[in-house]
Amino acid sequence: MLDGKKRADIKHGASVAIVLKQDQSTGYLTDGIVRDILTKSATHPHGIKVRLMSGEVGRVKEVY
């Protein structure tokens, strides 16, 4: 399982767990499928930001 800090590890249609902005304090993870990759840089220390098929936006914590 990958930690989601490298953009190259995340593909459109990948199954991931993200943390939403409002859940950052609790660390609650939301599962979903990647629709769009929003972070332009190759890496990000807090995880690559993505939009899920459901429309939710957050930073990737796990890639399945």
PDB file of N, CA and C in Angstrom:
ATOM      1  N   MET A   1       0.851  -1.184   0.000  1.00  0.00           N
ATOM      2  CA  MET A   1       0.000   0.000   0.000  1.00  0.00           C
ATOM      3  C   MET A   1       0.897   1.248   0.000  1.00  0.00           C
ATOM      4  N   LEU A   2       0.536   2.232  -0.813  1.00  0.00           N
ATOM      5  CA  LEU A   2       1.318   3.454  -0.954  1.00  0.00           C
ATOM      6  C   LEU A   2       0.704   4.565  -0.114  1.00  0.00           C
ATOM      7  N   ASP A   3       1.532   5.564   0.256  1.00  0.00           N
ATOM      8  CA  ASP A   3       1.059   6.617   1.170  1.00  0.00           C
ATOM      9  C   ASP A   3       0.471   7.851   0.489  1.00  0.00           C
ATOM     10  N   GLY A   4       0.526   7.925  -0.847  1.00  0.00           N
ATOM     11  CA  GLY A   4      -0.113   9.025  -1.552  1.00  0.00           C
ATOM     12  C   GLY A   4       0.647  10.327  -1.593  1.00  0.00           C
ATOM     13  N   LYS A   5       1.940  10.311  -1.269  1.00  0.00           N
ATOM     14  CA  LYS A   5       2.730  11.544  -1.293  1.00  0.00           C
ATOM     15  C   LYS A   5       3.388  11.795  -2.646  1.00  0.00           C
ATOM     16  N   LYS A   6       3.400  10.775  -3.532  1.00  0.00           N
ATOM     17  CA  LYS A   6       3.986  10.915  -4.863  1.00  0.00           C
ATOM     18  C   LYS A   6       2.885  10.890  -5.918  1.00  0.00           C
ATOM     19  N   ARG A   7       2.881  11.909  -6.771  1.00  0.00           N
ATOM     20  CA  ARG A   7       1.857  12.020  -7.809  1.00  0.00           C
ATOM     21  C   ARG A   7       1.895  10.827  -8.759  1.00  0.00           C
ATOM     22  N   ALA A   8       3.084  10.308  -9.040  1.00  0.00           N
ATOM     23  CA  ALA A   8       3.241   9.187  -9.975  1.00  0.00           C
ATOM     24  C   ALA A   8       2.552   7.912  -9.482  1.00  0.00           C
ATOM     25  N   ASP A   9       2.310   7.804  -8.175  1.00  0.00           N
ATOM     26  CA  ASP A   9       1.666   6.609  -7.613  1.00  0.00           C
ATOM     27  C   ASP A   9       0.146   6.625  -7.771  1.00  0.00           C
ATOM     28  N   ILE A  10      -0.402   7.771  -8.175  1.00  0.00           N
ATOM     29  CA  ILE A  10      -1.861   7.933  -8.220  1.00  0.00           C
ATOM     30  C   ILE A  10      -2.317   8.069  -9.666  1.00  0.00           C
ATOM     31  N   LYS A  11      -3.251   7.244 -10.066  1.00  0.00           N
ATOM     32  CA  LYS A  11      -3.770   7.267 -11.438  1.00  0.00           C
ATOM     33  C   LYS A  11      -5.274   7.544 -11.400  1.00  0.00           C
ATOM     34  N   HIS A  12      -5.794   8.061 -12.511  1.00  0.00           N
ATOM     35  CA  HIS A  12      -7.248   8.233 -12.649  1.00  0.00           C
ATOM     36  C   HIS A  12      -7.899   6.865 -12.534  1.00  0.00           C
ATOM     37  N   GLY A  13      -8.951   6.770 -11.749  1.00  0.00           N
ATOM     38  CA  GLY A  13      -9.646   5.498 -11.566  1.00  0.00           C
ATOM     39  C   GLY A  13      -9.076   4.643 -10.448  1.00  0.00           C
ATOM     40  N   ALA A  14      -8.022   5.119  -9.781  1.00  0.00           N
ATOM     41  CA  ALA A  14      -7.414   4.357  -8.680  1.00  0.00           C
ATOM     42  C   ALA A  14      -8.318   4.415  -7.446  1.00  0.00           C
ATOM     43  N   SER A  15      -8.292   3.344  -6.659  1.00  0.00           N
ATOM     44  CA  SER A  15      -9.040   3.300  -5.409  1.00  0.00           C
ATOM     45  C   SER A  15      -8.138   3.853  -4.297  1.00  0.00           C
ATOM     46  N   VAL A  16      -8.607   4.882  -3.604  1.00  0.00           N
ATOM     47  CA  VAL A  16      -7.792   5.565  -2.601  1.00  0.00           C
ATOM     48  C   VAL A  16      -8.604   5.861  -1.341  1.00  0.00           C
ATOM     49  N   ALA A  17      -7.879   6.211  -0.278  1.00  0.00           N
ATOM     50  CA  ALA A  17      -8.489   6.751   0.944  1.00  0.00           C
ATOM     51  C   ALA A  17      -7.945   8.164   1.106  1.00  0.00           C
ATOM     52  N   ILE A  18      -8.865   9.134   1.249  1.00  0.00           N
ATOM     53  CA  ILE A  18      -8.445  10.528   1.405  1.00  0.00           C
ATOM     54  C   ILE A  18      -8.921  11.069   2.747  1.00  0.00           C
ATOM     55  N   VAL A  19      -8.270  12.145   3.176  1.00  0.00           N
ATOM     56  CA  VAL A  19      -8.759  12.882   4.344  1.00  0.00           C
ATOM     57  C   VAL A  19      -9.325  14.198   3.823  1.00  0.00           C
ATOM     58  N   LEU A  20     -10.591  14.455   4.136  1.00  0.00           N
ATOM     59  CA  LEU A  20     -11.251  15.690   3.730  1.00  0.00           C
ATOM     60  C   LEU A  20     -10.782  16.832   4.625  1.00  0.00           C
ATOM     61  N   LYS A  21     -10.894  18.072   4.155  1.00  0.00           N
ATOM     62  CA  LYS A  21     -10.461  19.242   4.917  1.00  0.00           C
ATOM     63  C   LYS A  21     -11.093  19.258   6.313  1.00  0.00           C
ATOM     64  N   GLN A  22     -12.390  19.008   6.396  1.00  0.00           N
ATOM     65  CA  GLN A  22     -13.078  19.062   7.689  1.00  0.00           C
ATOM     66  C   GLN A  22     -12.715  17.892   8.606  1.00  0.00           C
ATOM     67  N   ASP A  23     -12.082  16.844   8.045  1.00  0.00           N
ATOM     68  CA  ASP A  23     -11.698  15.671   8.845  1.00  0.00           C
ATOM     69  C   ASP A  23     -10.216  15.662   9.218  1.00  0.00           C
ATOM     70  N   GLN A  24      -9.475  16.709   8.872  1.00  0.00           N
ATOM     71  CA  GLN A  24      -8.033  16.712   9.137  1.00  0.00           C
ATOM     72  C   GLN A  24      -7.716  16.603  10.625  1.00  0.00           C
ATOM     73  N   SER A  25      -8.544  17.191  11.472  1.00  0.00           N
ATOM     74  CA  SER A  25      -8.277  17.143  12.920  1.00  0.00           C
ATOM     75  C   SER A  25      -8.502  15.750  13.489  1.00  0.00           C
ATOM     76  N   THR A  26      -9.462  15.004  12.916  1.00  0.00           N
ATOM     77  CA  THR A  26      -9.759  13.662  13.425  1.00  0.00           C
ATOM     78  C   THR A  26      -8.997  12.579  12.687  1.00  0.00           C
ATOM     79  N   GLY A  27      -8.588  12.869  11.431  1.00  0.00           N
ATOM     80  CA  GLY A  27      -7.897  11.868  10.628  1.00  0.00           C
ATOM     81  C   GLY A  27      -8.823  10.847   9.994  1.00  0.00           C
ATOM     82  N   TYR A  28     -10.146  11.110  10.025  1.00  0.00           N
ATOM     83  CA  TYR A  28     -11.121  10.190   9.432  1.00  0.00           C
ATOM     84  C   TYR A  28     -10.893  10.094   7.927  1.00  0.00           C
ATOM     85  N   LEU A  29     -10.820   8.870   7.394  1.00  0.00           N
ATOM     86  CA  LEU A  29     -10.549   8.654   5.978  1.00  0.00           C
ATOM     87  C   LEU A  29     -11.830   8.335   5.210  1.00  0.00           C
ATOM     88  N   THR A  30     -11.888   8.840   3.982  1.00  0.00           N
ATOM     89  CA  THR A  30     -13.004   8.610   3.076  1.00  0.00           C
ATOM     90  C   THR A  30     -12.489   7.832   1.870  1.00  0.00           C
ATOM     91  N   ASP A  31     -13.107   6.690   1.566  1.00  0.00           N
ATOM     92  CA  ASP A  31     -12.693   5.881   0.425  1.00  0.00           C
ATOM     93  C   ASP A  31     -13.398   6.342  -0.840  1.00  0.00           C
ATOM     94  N   GLY A  32     -12.704   6.173  -1.979  1.00  0.00           N
ATOM     95  CA  GLY A  32     -13.326   6.525  -3.247  1.00  0.00           C
ATOM     96  C   GLY A  32     -12.418   6.239  -4.421  1.00  0.00           C
ATOM     97  N   ILE A  33     -12.890   6.617  -5.600  1.00  0.00           N
ATOM     98  CA  ILE A  33     -12.179   6.427  -6.860  1.00  0.00           C
ATOM     99  C   ILE A  33     -11.744   7.796  -7.374  1.00  0.00           C
ATOM    100  N   VAL A  34     -10.493   7.908  -7.824  1.00  0.00           N
ATOM    101  CA  VAL A  34      -9.941   9.188  -8.282  1.00  0.00           C
ATOM    102  C   VAL A  34     -10.570   9.608  -9.609  1.00  0.00           C
ATOM    103  N   ARG A  35     -11.144  10.824  -9.642  1.00  0.00           N
ATOM    104  CA  ARG A  35     -11.623  11.418 -10.890  1.00  0.00           C
ATOM    105  C   ARG A  35     -10.570  12.371 -11.447  1.00  0.00           C
ATOM    106  N   ASP A  36     -10.055  13.293 -10.595  1.00  0.00           N
ATOM    107  CA  ASP A  36      -9.070  14.290 -11.026  1.00  0.00           C
ATOM    108  C   ASP A  36      -7.945  14.373 -10.015  1.00  0.00           C
ATOM    109  N   ILE A  37      -6.728  14.591 -10.522  1.00  0.00           N
ATOM    110  CA  ILE A  37      -5.573  14.853  -9.653  1.00  0.00           C
ATOM    111  C   ILE A  37      -5.364  16.362  -9.664  1.00  0.00           C
ATOM    112  N   LEU A  38      -5.468  16.985  -8.489  1.00  0.00           N
ATOM    113  CA  LEU A  38      -5.451  18.445  -8.405  1.00  0.00           C
ATOM    114  C   LEU A  38      -4.071  19.025  -8.112  1.00  0.00           C
ATOM    115  N   THR A  39      -3.199  18.271  -7.439  1.00  0.00           N
ATOM    116  CA  THR A  39      -1.852  18.754  -7.133  1.00  0.00           C
ATOM    117  C   THR A  39      -0.996  18.657  -8.381  1.00  0.00           C
ATOM    118  N   LYS A  40      -0.339  19.749  -8.743  1.00  0.00           N
ATOM    119  CA  LYS A  40       0.500  19.781  -9.950  1.00  0.00           C
ATOM    120  C   LYS A  40       1.931  19.292  -9.698  1.00  0.00           C
ATOM    121  N   SER A  41       2.443  19.484  -8.481  1.00  0.00           N
ATOM    122  CA  SER A  41       3.825  19.097  -8.196  1.00  0.00           C
ATOM    123  C   SER A  41       3.963  17.575  -8.099  1.00  0.00           C
ATOM    124  N   ALA A  42       5.180  17.080  -8.256  1.00  0.00           N
ATOM    125  CA  ALA A  42       5.448  15.639  -8.265  1.00  0.00           C
ATOM    126  C   ALA A  42       5.230  14.996  -6.902  1.00  0.00           C
ATOM    127  N   THR A  43       5.459  15.767  -5.829  1.00  0.00           N
ATOM    128  CA  THR A  43       5.265  15.241  -4.474  1.00  0.00           C
ATOM    129  C   THR A  43       4.615  16.315  -3.606  1.00  0.00           C
ATOM    130  N   HIS A  44       4.050  15.870  -2.495  1.00  0.00           N
ATOM    131  CA  HIS A  44       3.509  16.803  -1.496  1.00  0.00           C
ATOM    132  C   HIS A  44       3.604  16.125  -0.134  1.00  0.00           C
ATOM    133  N   PRO A  45       4.145  16.821   0.879  1.00  0.00           N
ATOM    134  CA  PRO A  45       4.371  16.183   2.192  1.00  0.00           C
ATOM    135  C   PRO A  45       3.101  15.720   2.903  1.00  0.00           C
ATOM    136  N   HIS A  46       1.944  16.333   2.598  1.00  0.00           N
ATOM    137  CA  HIS A  46       0.690  15.954   3.261  1.00  0.00           C
ATOM    138  C   HIS A  46      -0.186  15.055   2.393  1.00  0.00           C
ATOM    139  N   GLY A  47       0.301  14.710   1.205  1.00  0.00           N
ATOM    140  CA  GLY A  47      -0.470  13.868   0.295  1.00  0.00           C
ATOM    141  C   GLY A  47      -0.963  14.660  -0.906  1.00  0.00           C
ATOM    142  N   ILE A  48      -1.084  13.983  -2.038  1.00  0.00           N
ATOM    143  CA  ILE A  48      -1.543  14.603  -3.271  1.00  0.00           C
ATOM    144  C   ILE A  48      -3.048  14.891  -3.162  1.00  0.00           C
ATOM    145  N   LYS A  49      -3.458  16.091  -3.574  1.00  0.00           N
ATOM    146  CA  LYS A  49      -4.879  16.455  -3.505  1.00  0.00           C
ATOM    147  C   LYS A  49      -5.594  15.924  -4.744  1.00  0.00           C
ATOM    148  N   VAL A  50      -6.735  15.255  -4.518  1.00  0.00           N
ATOM    149  CA  VAL A  50      -7.514  14.673  -5.607  1.00  0.00           C
ATOM    150  C   VAL A  50      -8.997  14.979  -5.431  1.00  0.00           C
ATOM    151  N   ARG A  51      -9.752  14.842  -6.540  1.00  0.00           N
ATOM    152  CA  ARG A  51     -11.210  14.891  -6.497  1.00  0.00           C
ATOM    153  C   ARG A  51     -11.695  13.476  -6.783  1.00  0.00           C
ATOM    154  N   LEU A  52     -12.589  12.985  -5.946  1.00  0.00           N
ATOM    155  CA  LEU A  52     -13.145  11.646  -6.142  1.00  0.00           C
ATOM    156  C   LEU A  52     -14.330  11.696  -7.107  1.00  0.00           C
ATOM    157  N   MET A  53     -14.752  10.527  -7.578  1.00  0.00           N
ATOM    158  CA  MET A  53     -15.930  10.428  -8.454  1.00  0.00           C
ATOM    159  C   MET A  53     -17.164  11.035  -7.784  1.00  0.00           C
ATOM    160  N   SER A  54     -17.204  10.999  -6.453  1.00  0.00           N
ATOM    161  CA  SER A  54     -18.334  11.550  -5.694  1.00  0.00           C
ATOM    162  C   SER A  54     -18.302  13.077  -5.636  1.00  0.00           C
ATOM    163  N   GLY A  55     -17.169  13.681  -6.067  1.00  0.00           N
ATOM    164  CA  GLY A  55     -17.027  15.132  -6.025  1.00  0.00           C
ATOM    165  C   GLY A  55     -16.275  15.630  -4.811  1.00  0.00           C
ATOM    166  N   GLU A  56     -16.008  14.739  -3.850  1.00  0.00           N
ATOM    167  CA  GLU A  56     -15.285  15.145  -2.641  1.00  0.00           C
ATOM    168  C   GLU A  56     -13.815  15.386  -2.967  1.00  0.00           C
ATOM    169  N   VAL A  57     -13.219  16.385  -2.297  1.00  0.00           N
ATOM    170  CA  VAL A  57     -11.830  16.761  -2.518  1.00  0.00           C
ATOM    171  C   VAL A  57     -11.048  16.582  -1.222  1.00  0.00           C
ATOM    172  N   GLY A  58      -9.882  15.959  -1.314  1.00  0.00           N
ATOM    173  CA  GLY A  58      -9.041  15.792  -0.139  1.00  0.00           C
ATOM    174  C   GLY A  58      -7.666  15.284  -0.526  1.00  0.00           C
ATOM    175  N   ARG A  59      -6.832  15.082   0.490  1.00  0.00           N
ATOM    176  CA  ARG A  59      -5.474  14.618   0.262  1.00  0.00           C
ATOM    177  C   ARG A  59      -5.385  13.108   0.464  1.00  0.00           C
ATOM    178  N   VAL A  60      -4.680  12.449  -0.463  1.00  0.00           N
ATOM    179  CA  VAL A  60      -4.568  10.985  -0.438  1.00  0.00           C
ATOM    180  C   VAL A  60      -3.680  10.544   0.724  1.00  0.00           C
ATOM    181  N   LYS A  61      -4.191   9.612   1.510  1.00  0.00           N
ATOM    182  CA  LYS A  61      -3.424   9.018   2.609  1.00  0.00           C
ATOM    183  C   LYS A  61      -3.041   7.579   2.308  1.00  0.00           C
ATOM    184  N   GLU A  62      -3.844   6.879   1.498  1.00  0.00           N
ATOM    185  CA  GLU A  62      -3.539   5.501   1.123  1.00  0.00           C
ATOM    186  C   GLU A  62      -3.998   5.252  -0.306  1.00  0.00           C
ATOM    187  N   VAL A  63      -3.159   4.494  -1.047  1.00  0.00           N
ATOM    188  CA  VAL A  63      -3.536   4.060  -2.399  1.00  0.00           C
ATOM    189  C   VAL A  63      -3.649   2.548  -2.344  1.00  0.00           C
ATOM    190  N   TYR A  64      -4.789   1.995  -2.769  1.00  0.00           N
ATOM    191  CA  TYR A  64      -5.012   0.542  -2.701  1.00  0.00           C
ATOM    192  C   TYR A  64      -4.593  -0.148  -3.964  1.00  0.00           C
TER     193      TYR A  64
END
